Amino acid sequence: MLIPAGQARPRRWVSWFVNPFVHKRHRTSAIRSSVRLDVLPFNAFTLGRHSTIESFSVVNNGVGPVLIGDNCTVGIGAVLIGPVSIGSDVIIAQHVVMSGLNHTYTDIQRSIREQPVTTRPIVIEEACWIGANVVITAGVTIGKHSVVAGGSVVTRDVPPYSVVGGNPARMLKQYNAATGEWVKPPASSAVNLP
C-alpha cells in the first residue's frame, strides 16, 4: 500500500502526509526540488542542520536507514541506498554511488530480480571528502578525516586520516601523528587497503 507494485518510490500520499511527521530533517537543511526522495516511514531518514542534498540525487531507505549528519553536502546526481550513515562535516561530490544493498544470485532457477537482497551498512565517519564518481560498496567504513579520490571504487574499509584512490581503492597517503605530516605508505602496504 505504501509503494506501487514493482517500484521503489513511495506513493505521493506517503511523501506528502506521512514522511514529514516521521523523518527528522533540520529546518536549516535543504533538499533541492529535483531530488528523488524514495524514503519510506518504516526505515529512518535524517538530514542534519545546514546539510544539503543537491539536484538530481536519489536517496532510498527502502532496505535500510539513510542518516546524514550536520554540515554535509551530497553532490549533484549522487545515489544513496541504505543502510548508509554519514557523519558531520562530510563533502560528497557529484555522481557518487553508495549502496548498502546487494542482490543475491545463487539460485540459477530464478532470475536475480526474484531473489532476496542482502544489506551491509556503509559508514562515512566525520570530516571526510568523497570525490566525484566514487563508488562505495556495501559494508565499507570510511574512517574520520579521510579522502577518497575521484573515480575510485572502494571495496574495503579505509582507516581514519587516509587518502585512497583507484579501482579497487588503495592507500595513497596517511597522516602521521608523530611527524604531523601526510606521508606515502611503504611500497609494500600501498598495494591494498587492510
C-alpha atoms as a PDB file:
ATOM      1  CA  MET A   1       0.000   0.000   0.000  1.00  0.00           C
ATOM      2  CA  LEU A   2       2.954   2.345   0.627  1.00  0.00           C
ATOM      3  CA  ILE A   3       4.711   1.545  -2.665  1.00  0.00           C
ATOM      4  CA  PRO A   4       3.230   0.768  -6.105  1.00  0.00           C
ATOM      5  CA  ALA A   5       3.868  -2.849  -7.096  1.00  0.00           C
ATOM      6  CA  GLY A   6       7.305  -3.407  -8.592  1.00  0.00           C
ATOM      7  CA  GLN A   7       8.605   0.077  -7.748  1.00  0.00           C
ATOM      8  CA  ALA A   8      10.936   1.644  -5.177  1.00  0.00           C
ATOM      9  CA  ARG A   9       9.289   5.063  -4.961  1.00  0.00           C
ATOM     10  CA  PRO A  10       6.633   5.629  -2.283  1.00  0.00           C
ATOM     11  CA  ARG A  11       3.144   6.753  -3.208  1.00  0.00           C
ATOM     12  CA  ARG A  12       2.671  10.523  -3.186  1.00  0.00           C
ATOM     13  CA  TRP A  13       0.397  10.488  -0.145  1.00  0.00           C
ATOM     14  CA  VAL A  14       3.211   8.818   1.847  1.00  0.00           C
ATOM     15  CA  SER A  15       5.679  11.520   0.777  1.00  0.00           C
ATOM     16  CA  TRP A  16       3.258  14.362   1.473  1.00  0.00           C
ATOM     17  CA  PHE A  17       1.326  13.262   4.573  1.00  0.00           C
ATOM     18  CA  VAL A  18       3.412  10.628   6.399  1.00  0.00           C
ATOM     19  CA  ASN A  19       7.128  11.259   5.855  1.00  0.00           C
ATOM     20  CA  PRO A  20       7.187  14.872   7.124  1.00  0.00           C
ATOM     21  CA  PHE A  21       5.979  13.604  10.521  1.00  0.00           C
ATOM     22  CA  VAL A  22       8.195  10.514  10.679  1.00  0.00           C
ATOM     23  CA  HIS A  23      11.594  11.586   9.357  1.00  0.00           C
ATOM     24  CA  LYS A  24      13.920  14.088  11.032  1.00  0.00           C
ATOM     25  CA  ARG A  25      15.027  16.909   8.805  1.00  0.00           C
ATOM     26  CA  HIS A  26      16.520  20.009  10.387  1.00  0.00           C
ATOM     27  CA  ARG A  27      14.842  23.276   9.428  1.00  0.00           C
ATOM     28  CA  THR A  28      18.177  24.675   8.141  1.00  0.00           C
ATOM     29  CA  SER A  29      18.743  21.729   5.784  1.00  0.00           C
ATOM     30  CA  ALA A  30      17.953  21.817   2.065  1.00  0.00           C
ATOM     31  CA  ILE A  31      16.738  19.197  -0.388  1.00  0.00           C
ATOM     32  CA  ARG A  32      16.684  20.509  -3.958  1.00  0.00           C
ATOM     33  CA  SER A  33      13.392  20.132  -5.816  1.00  0.00           C
ATOM     34  CA  SER A  34      14.713  17.644  -8.379  1.00  0.00           C
ATOM     35  CA  VAL A  35      15.933  15.145  -5.738  1.00  0.00           C
ATOM     36  CA  ARG A  36      14.223  11.764  -5.908  1.00  0.00           C
ATOM     37  CA  LEU A  37      13.499  11.104  -2.259  1.00  0.00           C
ATOM     38  CA  ASP A  38      12.427   7.467  -2.106  1.00  0.00           C
ATOM     39  CA  VAL A  39      12.044   7.343   1.658  1.00  0.00           C
ATOM     40  CA  LEU A  40       9.530   5.224   3.487  1.00  0.00           C
ATOM     41  CA  PRO A  41       8.274   5.504   7.069  1.00  0.00           C
ATOM     42  CA  PHE A  42       9.487   2.082   8.242  1.00  0.00           C
ATOM     43  CA  ASN A  43      13.231   2.943   7.951  1.00  0.00           C
ATOM     44  CA  ALA A  44      14.891   6.076   9.275  1.00  0.00           C
ATOM     45  CA  PHE A  45      15.897   9.083   7.195  1.00  0.00           C
ATOM     46  CA  THR A  46      17.585  12.046   8.873  1.00  0.00           C
ATOM     47  CA  LEU A  47      19.186  15.186   7.483  1.00  0.00           C
ATOM     48  CA  GLY A  48      21.164  17.309   9.925  1.00  0.00           C
ATOM     49  CA  ARG A  49      21.434  21.062  10.289  1.00  0.00           C
ATOM     50  CA  HIS A  50      22.944  23.049   7.433  1.00  0.00           C
ATOM     51  CA  SER A  51      23.141  19.913   5.245  1.00  0.00           C
ATOM     52  CA  THR A  52      22.163  19.926   1.568  1.00  0.00           C
ATOM     53  CA  ILE A  53      21.168  17.240  -0.927  1.00  0.00           C
ATOM     54  CA  GLU A  54      21.876  18.698  -4.357  1.00  0.00           C
ATOM     55  CA  SER A  55      19.855  18.378  -7.571  1.00  0.00           C
ATOM     56  CA  PHE A  56      19.153  15.083  -9.355  1.00  0.00           C
ATOM     57  CA  SER A  57      20.290  12.933  -6.428  1.00  0.00           C
ATOM     58  CA  VAL A  58      18.460   9.806  -5.276  1.00  0.00           C
ATOM     59  CA  VAL A  59      18.008   8.795  -1.637  1.00  0.00           C
ATOM     60  CA  ASN A  60      16.413   5.416  -0.898  1.00  0.00           C
ATOM     61  CA  ASN A  61      15.840   3.964   2.573  1.00  0.00           C
ATOM     62  CA  GLY A  62      13.706   1.023   1.440  1.00  0.00           C
ATOM     63  CA  VAL A  63      16.103  -1.640   2.759  1.00  0.00           C
ATOM     64  CA  GLY A  64      17.965   0.370   5.407  1.00  0.00           C
ATOM     65  CA  PRO A  65      18.199   3.762   7.074  1.00  0.00           C
ATOM     66  CA  VAL A  66      19.901   6.771   5.493  1.00  0.00           C
ATOM     67  CA  LEU A  67      21.348   9.047   8.166  1.00  0.00           C
ATOM     68  CA  ILE A  68      23.118  12.276   7.174  1.00  0.00           C
ATOM     69  CA  GLY A  69      24.802  14.430   9.839  1.00  0.00           C
ATOM     70  CA  ASP A  70      25.264  18.179  10.206  1.00  0.00           C
ATOM     71  CA  ASN A  71      27.053  20.441   7.693  1.00  0.00           C
ATOM     72  CA  CYS A  72      27.115  17.842   4.914  1.00  0.00           C
ATOM     73  CA  THR A  73      26.838  18.262   1.166  1.00  0.00           C
ATOM     74  CA  VAL A  74      25.522  15.471  -1.053  1.00  0.00           C
ATOM     75  CA  GLY A  75      26.595  16.475  -4.561  1.00  0.00           C
ATOM     76  CA  ILE A  76      24.653  16.638  -7.808  1.00  0.00           C
ATOM     77  CA  GLY A  77      23.467  13.260  -9.081  1.00  0.00           C
ATOM     78  CA  ALA A  78      24.573  11.227  -6.055  1.00  0.00           C
ATOM     79  CA  VAL A  79      22.823   7.954  -5.188  1.00  0.00           C
ATOM     80  CA  LEU A  80      22.469   6.864  -1.546  1.00  0.00           C
ATOM     81  CA  ILE A  81      20.813   3.478  -0.966  1.00  0.00           C
ATOM     82  CA  GLY A  82      20.624   2.468   2.685  1.00  0.00           C
ATOM     83  CA  PRO A  83      21.796   1.351   5.057  1.00  0.00           C
ATOM     84  CA  VAL A  84      24.105   4.402   4.923  1.00  0.00           C
ATOM     85  CA  SER A  85      25.308   6.523   7.837  1.00  0.00           C
ATOM     86  CA  ILE A  86      27.169   9.779   7.116  1.00  0.00           C
ATOM     87  CA  GLY A  87      28.832  11.748   9.917  1.00  0.00           C
ATOM     88  CA  SER A  88      29.002  15.523  10.211  1.00  0.00           C
ATOM     89  CA  ASP A  89      31.109  17.832   8.006  1.00  0.00           C
ATOM     90  CA  VAL A  90      31.256  15.378   5.083  1.00  0.00           C
ATOM     91  CA  ILE A  91      31.613  16.532   1.474  1.00  0.00           C
ATOM     92  CA  ILE A  92      30.222  14.154  -1.148  1.00  0.00           C
ATOM     93  CA  ALA A  93      30.988  15.306  -4.684  1.00  0.00           C
ATOM     94  CA  GLN A  94      28.990  14.731  -7.880  1.00  0.00           C
ATOM     95  CA  HIS A  95      27.722  11.346  -9.091  1.00  0.00           C
ATOM     96  CA  VAL A  96      28.863   9.343  -6.061  1.00  0.00           C
ATOM     97  CA  VAL A  97      27.123   5.991  -5.550  1.00  0.00           C
ATOM     98  CA  MET A  98      26.818   4.418  -2.095  1.00  0.00           C
ATOM     99  CA  SER A  99      24.750   1.262  -1.894  1.00  0.00           C
ATOM    100  CA  GLY A 100      24.408  -0.857   1.220  1.00  0.00           C
ATOM    101  CA  LEU A 101      22.311  -3.261  -0.871  1.00  0.00           C
ATOM    102  CA  ASN A 102      23.385  -6.318  -2.867  1.00  0.00           C
ATOM    103  CA  HIS A 103      21.309  -8.759  -4.889  1.00  0.00           C
ATOM    104  CA  THR A 104      21.763 -12.486  -4.401  1.00  0.00           C
ATOM    105  CA  TYR A 105      22.169 -14.631  -7.495  1.00  0.00           C
ATOM    106  CA  THR A 106      22.913 -18.145  -6.203  1.00  0.00           C
ATOM    107  CA  ASP A 107      19.651 -19.790  -7.320  1.00  0.00           C
ATOM    108  CA  ILE A 108      20.072 -20.232 -11.074  1.00  0.00           C
ATOM    109  CA  GLN A 109      16.457 -21.403 -11.411  1.00  0.00           C
ATOM    110  CA  ARG A 110      15.193 -17.907 -10.563  1.00  0.00           C
ATOM    111  CA  SER A 111      16.021 -14.541 -12.065  1.00  0.00           C
ATOM    112  CA  ILE A 112      18.215 -12.287  -9.943  1.00  0.00           C
ATOM    113  CA  ARG A 113      15.308  -9.839  -9.686  1.00  0.00           C
ATOM    114  CA  GLU A 114      13.228 -12.519  -7.874  1.00  0.00           C
ATOM    115  CA  GLN A 115      15.941 -13.409  -5.344  1.00  0.00           C
ATOM    116  CA  PRO A 116      16.362 -11.765  -1.942  1.00  0.00           C
ATOM    117  CA  VAL A 117      18.668  -8.851  -1.249  1.00  0.00           C
ATOM    118  CA  THR A 118      21.343  -8.589   1.413  1.00  0.00           C
ATOM    119  CA  THR A 119      22.400  -5.430   3.202  1.00  0.00           C
ATOM    120  CA  ARG A 120      25.574  -4.330   4.959  1.00  0.00           C
ATOM    121  CA  PRO A 121      25.845  -0.784   6.307  1.00  0.00           C
ATOM    122  CA  ILE A 122      28.102   1.853   4.784  1.00  0.00           C
ATOM    123  CA  VAL A 123      29.576   4.240   7.348  1.00  0.00           C
ATOM    124  CA  ILE A 124      31.236   7.533   6.412  1.00  0.00           C
ATOM    125  CA  GLU A 125      32.784   8.995   9.547  1.00  0.00           C
ATOM    126  CA  GLU A 126      33.017  12.740  10.172  1.00  0.00           C
ATOM    127  CA  ALA A 127      35.031  15.271   8.144  1.00  0.00           C
ATOM    128  CA  CYS A 128      35.549  13.086   5.036  1.00  0.00           C
ATOM    129  CA  TRP A 129      35.715  14.161   1.399  1.00  0.00           C
ATOM    130  CA  ILE A 130      34.390  11.733  -1.202  1.00  0.00           C
ATOM    131  CA  GLY A 131      35.461  12.763  -4.730  1.00  0.00           C
ATOM    132  CA  ALA A 132      33.343  12.768  -7.876  1.00  0.00           C
ATOM    133  CA  ASN A 133      32.230   9.486  -9.477  1.00  0.00           C
ATOM    134  CA  VAL A 134      33.245   7.343  -6.490  1.00  0.00           C
ATOM    135  CA  VAL A 135      31.510   4.011  -5.837  1.00  0.00           C
ATOM    136  CA  ILE A 136      31.394   2.747  -2.241  1.00  0.00           C
ATOM    137  CA  THR A 137      30.211  -0.838  -1.855  1.00  0.00           C
ATOM    138  CA  ALA A 138      28.151  -2.439   0.917  1.00  0.00           C
ATOM    139  CA  GLY A 139      29.818  -2.940   4.290  1.00  0.00           C
ATOM    140  CA  VAL A 140      32.566  -0.319   3.870  1.00  0.00           C
ATOM    141  CA  THR A 141      33.571   2.155   6.580  1.00  0.00           C
ATOM    142  CA  ILE A 142      35.474   5.316   5.605  1.00  0.00           C
ATOM    143  CA  GLY A 143      37.428   6.499   8.652  1.00  0.00           C
ATOM    144  CA  LYS A 144      37.384  10.031  10.068  1.00  0.00           C
ATOM    145  CA  HIS A 145      39.007  12.863   8.041  1.00  0.00           C
ATOM    146  CA  SER A 146      39.752  10.631   5.033  1.00  0.00           C
ATOM    147  CA  VAL A 147      39.745  11.490   1.337  1.00  0.00           C
ATOM    148  CA  VAL A 148      38.589   9.210  -1.474  1.00  0.00           C
ATOM    149  CA  ALA A 149      39.977  10.318  -4.848  1.00  0.00           C
ATOM    150  CA  GLY A 150      37.566  10.855  -7.731  1.00  0.00           C
ATOM    151  CA  GLY A 151      36.640   7.797  -9.783  1.00  0.00           C
ATOM    152  CA  SER A 152      37.637   5.306  -7.076  1.00  0.00           C
ATOM    153  CA  VAL A 153      35.830   2.069  -6.245  1.00  0.00           C
ATOM    154  CA  VAL A 154      36.040   1.401  -2.521  1.00  0.00           C
ATOM    155  CA  THR A 155      35.516  -2.242  -1.571  1.00  0.00           C
ATOM    156  CA  ARG A 156      37.326  -2.308   1.804  1.00  0.00           C
ATOM    157  CA  ASP A 157      37.421  -0.207   4.935  1.00  0.00           C
ATOM    158  CA  VAL A 158      39.529   2.959   4.863  1.00  0.00           C
ATOM    159  CA  PRO A 159      41.431   3.801   8.066  1.00  0.00           C
ATOM    160  CA  PRO A 160      40.995   7.260   9.608  1.00  0.00           C
ATOM    161  CA  TYR A 161      43.208  10.085   8.279  1.00  0.00           C
ATOM    162  CA  SER A 162      43.904   8.384   4.950  1.00  0.00           C
ATOM    163  CA  VAL A 163      43.871   9.269   1.259  1.00  0.00           C
ATOM    164  CA  VAL A 164      42.828   6.427  -1.045  1.00  0.00           C
ATOM    165  CA  GLY A 165      42.262   6.128  -4.770  1.00  0.00           C
ATOM    166  CA  GLY A 166      41.965   3.735  -7.688  1.00  0.00           C
ATOM    167  CA  ASN A 167      39.933   0.702  -8.673  1.00  0.00           C
ATOM    168  CA  PRO A 168      39.976  -1.047  -6.302  1.00  0.00           C
ATOM    169  CA  ALA A 169      40.965   1.801  -3.979  1.00  0.00           C
ATOM    170  CA  ARG A 170      44.399   1.586  -2.366  1.00  0.00           C
ATOM    171  CA  MET A 171      46.212   3.681   0.192  1.00  0.00           C
ATOM    172  CA  LEU A 172      47.942   6.754  -1.299  1.00  0.00           C
ATOM    173  CA  LYS A 173      48.760   8.724   1.874  1.00  0.00           C
ATOM    174  CA  GLN A 174      48.146   8.581   5.589  1.00  0.00           C
ATOM    175  CA  TYR A 175      48.537  11.171   8.310  1.00  0.00           C
ATOM    176  CA  ASN A 176      51.465  10.515  10.644  1.00  0.00           C
ATOM    177  CA  ALA A 177      50.616  11.974  14.057  1.00  0.00           C
ATOM    178  CA  ALA A 178      54.246  11.759  15.226  1.00  0.00           C
ATOM    179  CA  THR A 179      55.555  13.998  12.422  1.00  0.00           C
ATOM    180  CA  GLY A 180      52.368  15.955  11.784  1.00  0.00           C
ATOM    181  CA  GLU A 181      52.596  15.236   8.031  1.00  0.00           C
ATOM    182  CA  TRP A 182      50.730  13.313   5.362  1.00  0.00           C
ATOM    183  CA  VAL A 183      53.090  10.568   4.162  1.00  0.00           C
ATOM    184  CA  LYS A 184      53.046   7.901   1.483  1.00  0.00           C
ATOM    185  CA  PRO A 185      52.907   4.378   2.878  1.00  0.00           C
ATOM    186  CA  PRO A 186      55.793   1.978   2.267  1.00  0.00           C
ATOM    187  CA  ALA A 187      55.600   0.376  -1.183  1.00  0.00           C
ATOM    188  CA  SER A 188      54.572  -2.995   0.294  1.00  0.00           C
ATOM    189  CA  SER A 189      51.488  -1.569   2.035  1.00  0.00           C
ATOM    190  CA  ALA A 190      50.441   0.681  -0.865  1.00  0.00           C
ATOM    191  CA  VAL A 191      49.067  -2.261  -2.820  1.00  0.00           C
ATOM    192  CA  ASN A 192      45.781  -2.796  -0.981  1.00  0.00           C
ATOM    193  CA  LEU A 193      43.775  -1.484   1.911  1.00  0.00           C
ATOM    194  CA  PRO A 194      43.782  -3.531   5.132  1.00  0.00           C
END
